[in-house]
Amino acid sequence: MAELSGTDVAGYVSEAPGLSAYVLRDGTVYRTYVTTARGLEPAMAFYGLLDRTPRGRHEEDDPDFWLRRHDEYGKT
């Protein structure tokens, strides 16, 4: 995936998404929740849609990566 994204592995993993929740109590900020990677799926509505399609997420080790950006359709 790093190569497909145009970077190296270190750059790819350093840009991973994350979700944190904070609370302010008595002038102190506390981080109450943090998640990354697969823990973010509930916040990504498109995964629920992909799960209901004939090919699903199609996450097998397949070199033919089928999910493309709008300007990549028609390319193989």
PDB file of N, CA and C in Angstrom:
ATOM      1  N   MET A   1       0.827  -1.198   0.000  1.00  0.00           N
ATOM      2  CA  MET A   1       0.000   0.000   0.000  1.00  0.00           C
ATOM      3  C   MET A   1       0.868   1.256   0.000  1.00  0.00           C
ATOM      4  N   ALA A   2       2.013   1.217   0.652  1.00  0.00           N
ATOM      5  CA  ALA A   2       2.887   2.392   0.666  1.00  0.00           C
ATOM      6  C   ALA A   2       3.300   2.757  -0.752  1.00  0.00           C
ATOM      7  N   GLU A   3       3.717   1.763  -1.525  1.00  0.00           N
ATOM      8  CA  GLU A   3       4.141   2.025  -2.897  1.00  0.00           C
ATOM      9  C   GLU A   3       2.983   2.568  -3.731  1.00  0.00           C
ATOM     10  N   LEU A   4       1.791   1.994  -3.572  1.00  0.00           N
ATOM     11  CA  LEU A   4       0.623   2.485  -4.303  1.00  0.00           C
ATOM     12  C   LEU A   4       0.273   3.919  -3.924  1.00  0.00           C
ATOM     13  N   SER A   5       0.643   4.318  -2.704  1.00  0.00           N
ATOM     14  CA  SER A   5       0.366   5.677  -2.233  1.00  0.00           C
ATOM     15  C   SER A   5       1.471   6.651  -2.597  1.00  0.00           C
ATOM     16  N   GLY A   6       2.543   6.157  -3.202  1.00  0.00           N
ATOM     17  CA  GLY A   6       3.631   7.024  -3.620  1.00  0.00           C
ATOM     18  C   GLY A   6       4.585   7.406  -2.506  1.00  0.00           C
ATOM     19  N   THR A   7       4.762   6.537  -1.527  1.00  0.00           N
ATOM     20  CA  THR A   7       5.662   6.829  -0.415  1.00  0.00           C
ATOM     21  C   THR A   7       6.359   5.556   0.022  1.00  0.00           C
ATOM     22  N   ASP A   8       7.177   5.664   1.042  1.00  0.00           N
ATOM     23  CA  ASP A   8       7.816   4.477   1.608  1.00  0.00           C
ATOM     24  C   ASP A   8       7.011   4.007   2.822  1.00  0.00           C
ATOM     25  N   VAL A   9       7.397   2.868   3.387  1.00  0.00           N
ATOM     26  CA  VAL A   9       6.631   2.292   4.493  1.00  0.00           C
ATOM     27  C   VAL A   9       6.610   3.230   5.698  1.00  0.00           C
ATOM     28  N   ALA A  10       7.756   3.830   6.028  1.00  0.00           N
ATOM     29  CA  ALA A  10       7.807   4.736   7.183  1.00  0.00           C
ATOM     30  C   ALA A  10       6.866   5.926   6.989  1.00  0.00           C
ATOM     31  N   GLY A  11       6.855   6.493   5.800  1.00  0.00           N
ATOM     32  CA  GLY A  11       5.949   7.608   5.521  1.00  0.00           C
ATOM     33  C   GLY A  11       4.494   7.185   5.545  1.00  0.00           C
ATOM     34  N   TYR A  12       4.225   5.981   5.055  1.00  0.00           N
ATOM     35  CA  TYR A  12       2.847   5.488   5.008  1.00  0.00           C
ATOM     36  C   TYR A  12       2.275   5.289   6.408  1.00  0.00           C
ATOM     37  N   VAL A  13       3.030   4.643   7.276  1.00  0.00           N
ATOM     38  CA  VAL A  13       2.503   4.368   8.615  1.00  0.00           C
ATOM     39  C   VAL A  13       2.493   5.608   9.494  1.00  0.00           C
ATOM     40  N   SER A  14       3.337   6.602   9.191  1.00  0.00           N
ATOM     41  CA  SER A  14       3.341   7.825  10.001  1.00  0.00           C
ATOM     42  C   SER A  14       2.139   8.708   9.696  1.00  0.00           C
ATOM     43  N   GLU A  15       1.463   8.480   8.584  1.00  0.00           N
ATOM     44  CA  GLU A  15       0.307   9.280   8.202  1.00  0.00           C
ATOM     45  C   GLU A  15      -1.010   8.552   8.467  1.00  0.00           C
ATOM     46  N   ALA A  16      -0.990   7.564   9.331  1.00  0.00           N
ATOM     47  CA  ALA A  16      -2.198   6.790   9.622  1.00  0.00           C
ATOM     48  C   ALA A  16      -3.245   7.658  10.309  1.00  0.00           C
ATOM     49  N   PRO A  17      -4.512   7.460   9.980  1.00  0.00           N
ATOM     50  CA  PRO A  17      -5.566   8.230  10.641  1.00  0.00           C
ATOM     51  C   PRO A  17      -5.784   7.777  12.071  1.00  0.00           C
ATOM     52  N   GLY A  18      -6.372   8.632  12.851  1.00  0.00           N
ATOM     53  CA  GLY A  18      -6.682   8.298  14.231  1.00  0.00           C
ATOM     54  C   GLY A  18      -7.864   9.114  14.715  1.00  0.00           C
ATOM     55  N   LEU A  19      -8.437   8.703  15.812  1.00  0.00           N
ATOM     56  CA  LEU A  19      -9.576   9.402  16.405  1.00  0.00           C
ATOM     57  C   LEU A  19      -9.342   9.476  17.907  1.00  0.00           C
ATOM     58  N   SER A  20      -9.437  10.679  18.449  1.00  0.00           N
ATOM     59  CA  SER A  20      -9.291  10.876  19.891  1.00  0.00           C
ATOM     60  C   SER A  20     -10.473  11.676  20.404  1.00  0.00           C
ATOM     61  N   ALA A  21     -10.848  11.418  21.640  1.00  0.00           N
ATOM     62  CA  ALA A  21     -11.896  12.186  22.319  1.00  0.00           C
ATOM     63  C   ALA A  21     -11.301  12.745  23.606  1.00  0.00           C
ATOM     64  N   TYR A  22     -11.656  13.981  23.907  1.00  0.00           N
ATOM     65  CA  TYR A  22     -11.105  14.666  25.077  1.00  0.00           C
ATOM     66  C   TYR A  22     -12.236  15.216  25.935  1.00  0.00           C
ATOM     67  N   VAL A  23     -11.925  15.433  27.211  1.00  0.00           N
ATOM     68  CA  VAL A  23     -12.864  16.081  28.122  1.00  0.00           C
ATOM     69  C   VAL A  23     -12.066  17.094  28.953  1.00  0.00           C
ATOM     70  N   LEU A  24     -12.678  18.232  29.211  1.00  0.00           N
ATOM     71  CA  LEU A  24     -12.073  19.249  30.058  1.00  0.00           C
ATOM     72  C   LEU A  24     -12.756  19.184  31.417  1.00  0.00           C
ATOM     73  N   ARG A  25     -11.970  18.912  32.441  1.00  0.00           N
ATOM     74  CA  ARG A  25     -12.524  18.802  33.784  1.00  0.00           C
ATOM     75  C   ARG A  25     -11.632  19.558  34.755  1.00  0.00           C
ATOM     76  N   ASP A  26     -12.197  20.531  35.413  1.00  0.00           N
ATOM     77  CA  ASP A  26     -11.474  21.333  36.416  1.00  0.00           C
ATOM     78  C   ASP A  26     -10.171  21.923  35.859  1.00  0.00           C
ATOM     79  N   GLY A  27     -10.221  22.413  34.618  1.00  0.00           N
ATOM     80  CA  GLY A  27      -9.066  23.059  34.013  1.00  0.00           C
ATOM     81  C   GLY A  27      -8.032  22.121  33.431  1.00  0.00           C
ATOM     82  N   THR A  28      -8.259  20.820  33.499  1.00  0.00           N
ATOM     83  CA  THR A  28      -7.328  19.837  32.945  1.00  0.00           C
ATOM     84  C   THR A  28      -7.997  19.108  31.785  1.00  0.00           C
ATOM     85  N   VAL A  29      -7.246  18.946  30.695  1.00  0.00           N
ATOM     86  CA  VAL A  29      -7.752  18.211  29.529  1.00  0.00           C
ATOM     87  C   VAL A  29      -7.300  16.762  29.628  1.00  0.00           C
ATOM     88  N   TYR A  30      -8.244  15.852  29.532  1.00  0.00           N
ATOM     89  CA  TYR A  30      -7.957  14.412  29.565  1.00  0.00           C
ATOM     90  C   TYR A  30      -8.342  13.794  28.224  1.00  0.00           C
ATOM     91  N   ARG A  31      -7.467  12.943  27.730  1.00  0.00           N
ATOM     92  CA  ARG A  31      -7.841  12.161  26.537  1.00  0.00           C
ATOM     93  C   ARG A  31      -8.565  10.933  27.050  1.00  0.00           C
ATOM     94  N   THR A  32      -9.832  10.797  26.669  1.00  0.00           N
ATOM     95  CA  THR A  32     -10.665   9.729  27.210  1.00  0.00           C
ATOM     96  C   THR A  32     -10.777   8.527  26.276  1.00  0.00           C
ATOM     97  N   TYR A  33     -10.420   8.717  25.009  1.00  0.00           N
ATOM     98  CA  TYR A  33     -10.559   7.615  24.058  1.00  0.00           C
ATOM     99  C   TYR A  33      -9.610   7.863  22.899  1.00  0.00           C
ATOM    100  N   VAL A  34      -8.991   6.814  22.400  1.00  0.00           N
ATOM    101  CA  VAL A  34      -8.158   6.899  21.203  1.00  0.00           C
ATOM    102  C   VAL A  34      -8.259   5.580  20.447  1.00  0.00           C
ATOM    103  N   THR A  35      -8.311   5.675  19.125  1.00  0.00           N
ATOM    104  CA  THR A  35      -8.319   4.483  18.288  1.00  0.00           C
ATOM    105  C   THR A  35      -7.672   4.821  16.952  1.00  0.00           C
ATOM    106  N   THR A  36      -7.147   3.798  16.286  1.00  0.00           N
ATOM    107  CA  THR A  36      -6.529   3.950  14.969  1.00  0.00           C
ATOM    108  C   THR A  36      -6.920   2.754  14.118  1.00  0.00           C
ATOM    109  N   ALA A  37      -6.527   2.790  12.882  1.00  0.00           N
ATOM    110  CA  ALA A  37      -6.669   1.678  11.950  1.00  0.00           C
ATOM    111  C   ALA A  37      -8.086   1.090  11.938  1.00  0.00           C
ATOM    112  N   ARG A  38      -8.218  -0.203  12.194  1.00  0.00           N
ATOM    113  CA  ARG A  38      -9.523  -0.865  12.084  1.00  0.00           C
ATOM    114  C   ARG A  38     -10.523  -0.355  13.117  1.00  0.00           C
ATOM    115  N   GLY A  39     -10.056   0.274  14.177  1.00  0.00           N
ATOM    116  CA  GLY A  39     -10.959   0.840  15.170  1.00  0.00           C
ATOM    117  C   GLY A  39     -11.729   2.043  14.663  1.00  0.00           C
ATOM    118  N   LEU A  40     -11.329   2.571  13.511  1.00  0.00           N
ATOM    119  CA  LEU A  40     -12.017   3.730  12.926  1.00  0.00           C
ATOM    120  C   LEU A  40     -13.191   3.330  12.031  1.00  0.00           C
ATOM    121  N   GLU A  41     -13.347   2.068  11.742  1.00  0.00           N
ATOM    122  CA  GLU A  41     -14.376   1.643  10.797  1.00  0.00           C
ATOM    123  C   GLU A  41     -15.781   2.140  11.121  1.00  0.00           C
ATOM    124  N   PRO A  42     -16.203   2.180  12.383  1.00  0.00           N
ATOM    125  CA  PRO A  42     -17.553   2.703  12.645  1.00  0.00           C
ATOM    126  C   PRO A  42     -17.741   4.157  12.208  1.00  0.00           C
ATOM    127  N   ALA A  43     -16.652   4.913  12.130  1.00  0.00           N
ATOM    128  CA  ALA A  43     -16.741   6.315  11.707  1.00  0.00           C
ATOM    129  C   ALA A  43     -16.701   6.468  10.190  1.00  0.00           C
ATOM    130  N   MET A  44     -16.424   5.382   9.472  1.00  0.00           N
ATOM    131  CA  MET A  44     -16.311   5.432   8.009  1.00  0.00           C
ATOM    132  C   MET A  44     -17.511   4.727   7.389  1.00  0.00           C
ATOM    133  N   ALA A  45     -18.496   5.492   7.026  1.00  0.00           N
ATOM    134  CA  ALA A  45     -19.753   4.923   6.527  1.00  0.00           C
ATOM    135  C   ALA A  45     -19.570   4.078   5.273  1.00  0.00           C
ATOM    136  N   PHE A  46     -18.564   4.365   4.462  1.00  0.00           N
ATOM    137  CA  PHE A  46     -18.410   3.617   3.212  1.00  0.00           C
ATOM    138  C   PHE A  46     -18.089   2.152   3.448  1.00  0.00           C
ATOM    139  N   TYR A  47     -17.490   1.778   4.578  1.00  0.00           N
ATOM    140  CA  TYR A  47     -17.235   0.366   4.842  1.00  0.00           C
ATOM    141  C   TYR A  47     -18.544  -0.408   4.960  1.00  0.00           C
ATOM    142  N   GLY A  48     -19.530   0.154   5.610  1.00  0.00           N
ATOM    143  CA  GLY A  48     -20.831  -0.502   5.699  1.00  0.00           C
ATOM    144  C   GLY A  48     -21.458  -0.721   4.334  1.00  0.00           C
ATOM    145  N   LEU A  49     -21.266   0.244   3.434  1.00  0.00           N
ATOM    146  CA  LEU A  49     -21.780   0.095   2.070  1.00  0.00           C
ATOM    147  C   LEU A  49     -21.007  -0.979   1.312  1.00  0.00           C
ATOM    148  N   LEU A  50     -19.695  -0.966   1.425  1.00  0.00           N
ATOM    149  CA  LEU A  50     -18.890  -1.988   0.747  1.00  0.00           C
ATOM    150  C   LEU A  50     -19.219  -3.390   1.244  1.00  0.00           C
ATOM    151  N   ASP A  51     -19.504  -3.528   2.531  1.00  0.00           N
ATOM    152  CA  ASP A  51     -19.844  -4.837   3.082  1.00  0.00           C
ATOM    153  C   ASP A  51     -21.107  -5.410   2.460  1.00  0.00           C
ATOM    154  N   ARG A  52     -21.932  -4.586   1.868  1.00  0.00           N
ATOM    155  CA  ARG A  52     -23.192  -5.036   1.276  1.00  0.00           C
ATOM    156  C   ARG A  52     -23.120  -5.206  -0.242  1.00  0.00           C
ATOM    157  N   THR A  53     -21.950  -4.998  -0.829  1.00  0.00           N
ATOM    158  CA  THR A  53     -21.789  -5.174  -2.269  1.00  0.00           C
ATOM    159  C   THR A  53     -21.348  -6.600  -2.574  1.00  0.00           C
ATOM    160  N   PRO A  54     -21.520  -7.048  -3.824  1.00  0.00           N
ATOM    161  CA  PRO A  54     -21.169  -8.427  -4.165  1.00  0.00           C
ATOM    162  C   PRO A  54     -19.721  -8.801  -3.846  1.00  0.00           C
ATOM    163  N   ARG A  55     -18.772  -7.891  -4.049  1.00  0.00           N
ATOM    164  CA  ARG A  55     -17.367  -8.205  -3.782  1.00  0.00           C
ATOM    165  C   ARG A  55     -16.942  -7.775  -2.387  1.00  0.00           C
ATOM    166  N   GLY A  56     -17.810  -7.151  -1.649  1.00  0.00           N
ATOM    167  CA  GLY A  56     -17.464  -6.714  -0.309  1.00  0.00           C
ATOM    168  C   GLY A  56     -16.304  -5.735  -0.321  1.00  0.00           C
ATOM    169  N   ARG A  57     -15.477  -5.816   0.675  1.00  0.00           N
ATOM    170  CA  ARG A  57     -14.308  -4.928   0.736  1.00  0.00           C
ATOM    171  C   ARG A  57     -13.191  -5.410  -0.181  1.00  0.00           C
ATOM    172  N   HIS A  58     -13.264  -6.653  -0.581  1.00  0.00           N
ATOM    173  CA  HIS A  58     -12.279  -7.237  -1.495  1.00  0.00           C
ATOM    174  C   HIS A  58     -10.869  -7.002  -0.964  1.00  0.00           C
ATOM    175  N   GLU A  59     -10.610  -7.422   0.268  1.00  0.00           N
ATOM    176  CA  GLU A  59      -9.336  -7.179   0.927  1.00  0.00           C
ATOM    177  C   GLU A  59      -8.352  -8.328   0.790  1.00  0.00           C
ATOM    178  N   GLU A  60      -8.660  -9.311  -0.011  1.00  0.00           N
ATOM    179  CA  GLU A  60      -7.733 -10.425  -0.185  1.00  0.00           C
ATOM    180  C   GLU A  60      -6.437  -9.912  -0.790  1.00  0.00           C
ATOM    181  N   ASP A  61      -5.402 -10.740  -0.754  1.00  0.00           N
ATOM    182  CA  ASP A  61      -4.122 -10.370  -1.365  1.00  0.00           C
ATOM    183  C   ASP A  61      -4.238 -10.474  -2.876  1.00  0.00           C
ATOM    184  N   ASP A  62      -4.842  -9.481  -3.475  1.00  0.00           N
ATOM    185  CA  ASP A  62      -5.082  -9.459  -4.911  1.00  0.00           C
ATOM    186  C   ASP A  62      -4.347  -8.263  -5.510  1.00  0.00           C
ATOM    187  N   PRO A  63      -3.404  -8.498  -6.432  1.00  0.00           N
ATOM    188  CA  PRO A  63      -2.677  -7.369  -7.006  1.00  0.00           C
ATOM    189  C   PRO A  63      -3.561  -6.442  -7.826  1.00  0.00           C
ATOM    190  N   ASP A  64      -4.719  -6.919  -8.257  1.00  0.00           N
ATOM    191  CA  ASP A  64      -5.645  -6.087  -9.027  1.00  0.00           C
ATOM    192  C   ASP A  64      -6.510  -5.289  -8.053  1.00  0.00           C
ATOM    193  N   PHE A  65      -5.985  -4.214  -7.545  1.00  0.00           N
ATOM    194  CA  PHE A  65      -6.708  -3.393  -6.574  1.00  0.00           C
ATOM    195  C   PHE A  65      -7.855  -2.703  -7.298  1.00  0.00           C
ATOM    196  N   TRP A  66      -9.094  -3.023  -6.944  1.00  0.00           N
ATOM    197  CA  TRP A  66     -10.255  -2.602  -7.722  1.00  0.00           C
ATOM    198  C   TRP A  66     -10.790  -1.227  -7.329  1.00  0.00           C
ATOM    199  N   LEU A  67     -10.478  -0.731  -6.153  1.00  0.00           N
ATOM    200  CA  LEU A  67     -10.993   0.551  -5.722  1.00  0.00           C
ATOM    201  C   LEU A  67     -10.071   1.653  -6.240  1.00  0.00           C
ATOM    202  N   ARG A  68     -10.624   2.561  -7.055  1.00  0.00           N
ATOM    203  CA  ARG A  68      -9.802   3.604  -7.671  1.00  0.00           C
ATOM    204  C   ARG A  68     -10.432   4.977  -7.448  1.00  0.00           C
ATOM    205  N   ARG A  69      -9.589   6.007  -7.533  1.00  0.00           N
ATOM    206  CA  ARG A  69     -10.096   7.375  -7.480  1.00  0.00           C
ATOM    207  C   ARG A  69     -10.754   7.707  -8.809  1.00  0.00           C
ATOM    208  N   HIS A  70     -11.586   8.732  -8.830  1.00  0.00           N
ATOM    209  CA  HIS A  70     -12.384   9.039 -10.008  1.00  0.00           C
ATOM    210  C   HIS A  70     -11.543   9.249 -11.268  1.00  0.00           C
ATOM    211  N   ASP A  71     -10.334   9.757 -11.162  1.00  0.00           N
ATOM    212  CA  ASP A  71      -9.520  10.009 -12.343  1.00  0.00           C
ATOM    213  C   ASP A  71      -8.703   8.794 -12.794  1.00  0.00           C
ATOM    214  N   GLU A  72      -8.873   7.653 -12.118  1.00  0.00           N
ATOM    215  CA  GLU A  72      -8.135   6.454 -12.486  1.00  0.00           C
ATOM    216  C   GLU A  72      -8.997   5.413 -13.189  1.00  0.00           C
ATOM    217  N   TYR A  73     -10.291   5.657 -13.341  1.00  0.00           N
ATOM    218  CA  TYR A  73     -11.128   4.677 -14.017  1.00  0.00           C
ATOM    219  C   TYR A  73     -10.700   4.572 -15.480  1.00  0.00           C
ATOM    220  N   GLY A  74     -10.760   3.377 -15.991  1.00  0.00           N
ATOM    221  CA  GLY A  74     -10.358   3.121 -17.362  1.00  0.00           C
ATOM    222  C   GLY A  74      -8.902   2.692 -17.468  1.00  0.00           C
ATOM    223  N   LYS A  75      -8.118   2.894 -16.407  1.00  0.00           N
ATOM    224  CA  LYS A  75      -6.724   2.448 -16.408  1.00  0.00           C
ATOM    225  C   LYS A  75      -6.687   1.030 -15.832  1.00  0.00           C
ATOM    226  N   THR A  76      -5.722   0.255 -16.254  1.00  0.00           N
ATOM    227  CA  THR A  76      -5.584  -1.091 -15.698  1.00  0.00           C
ATOM    228  C   THR A  76      -4.430  -1.170 -14.745  1.00  0.00           C
TER     229      THR A  76
END
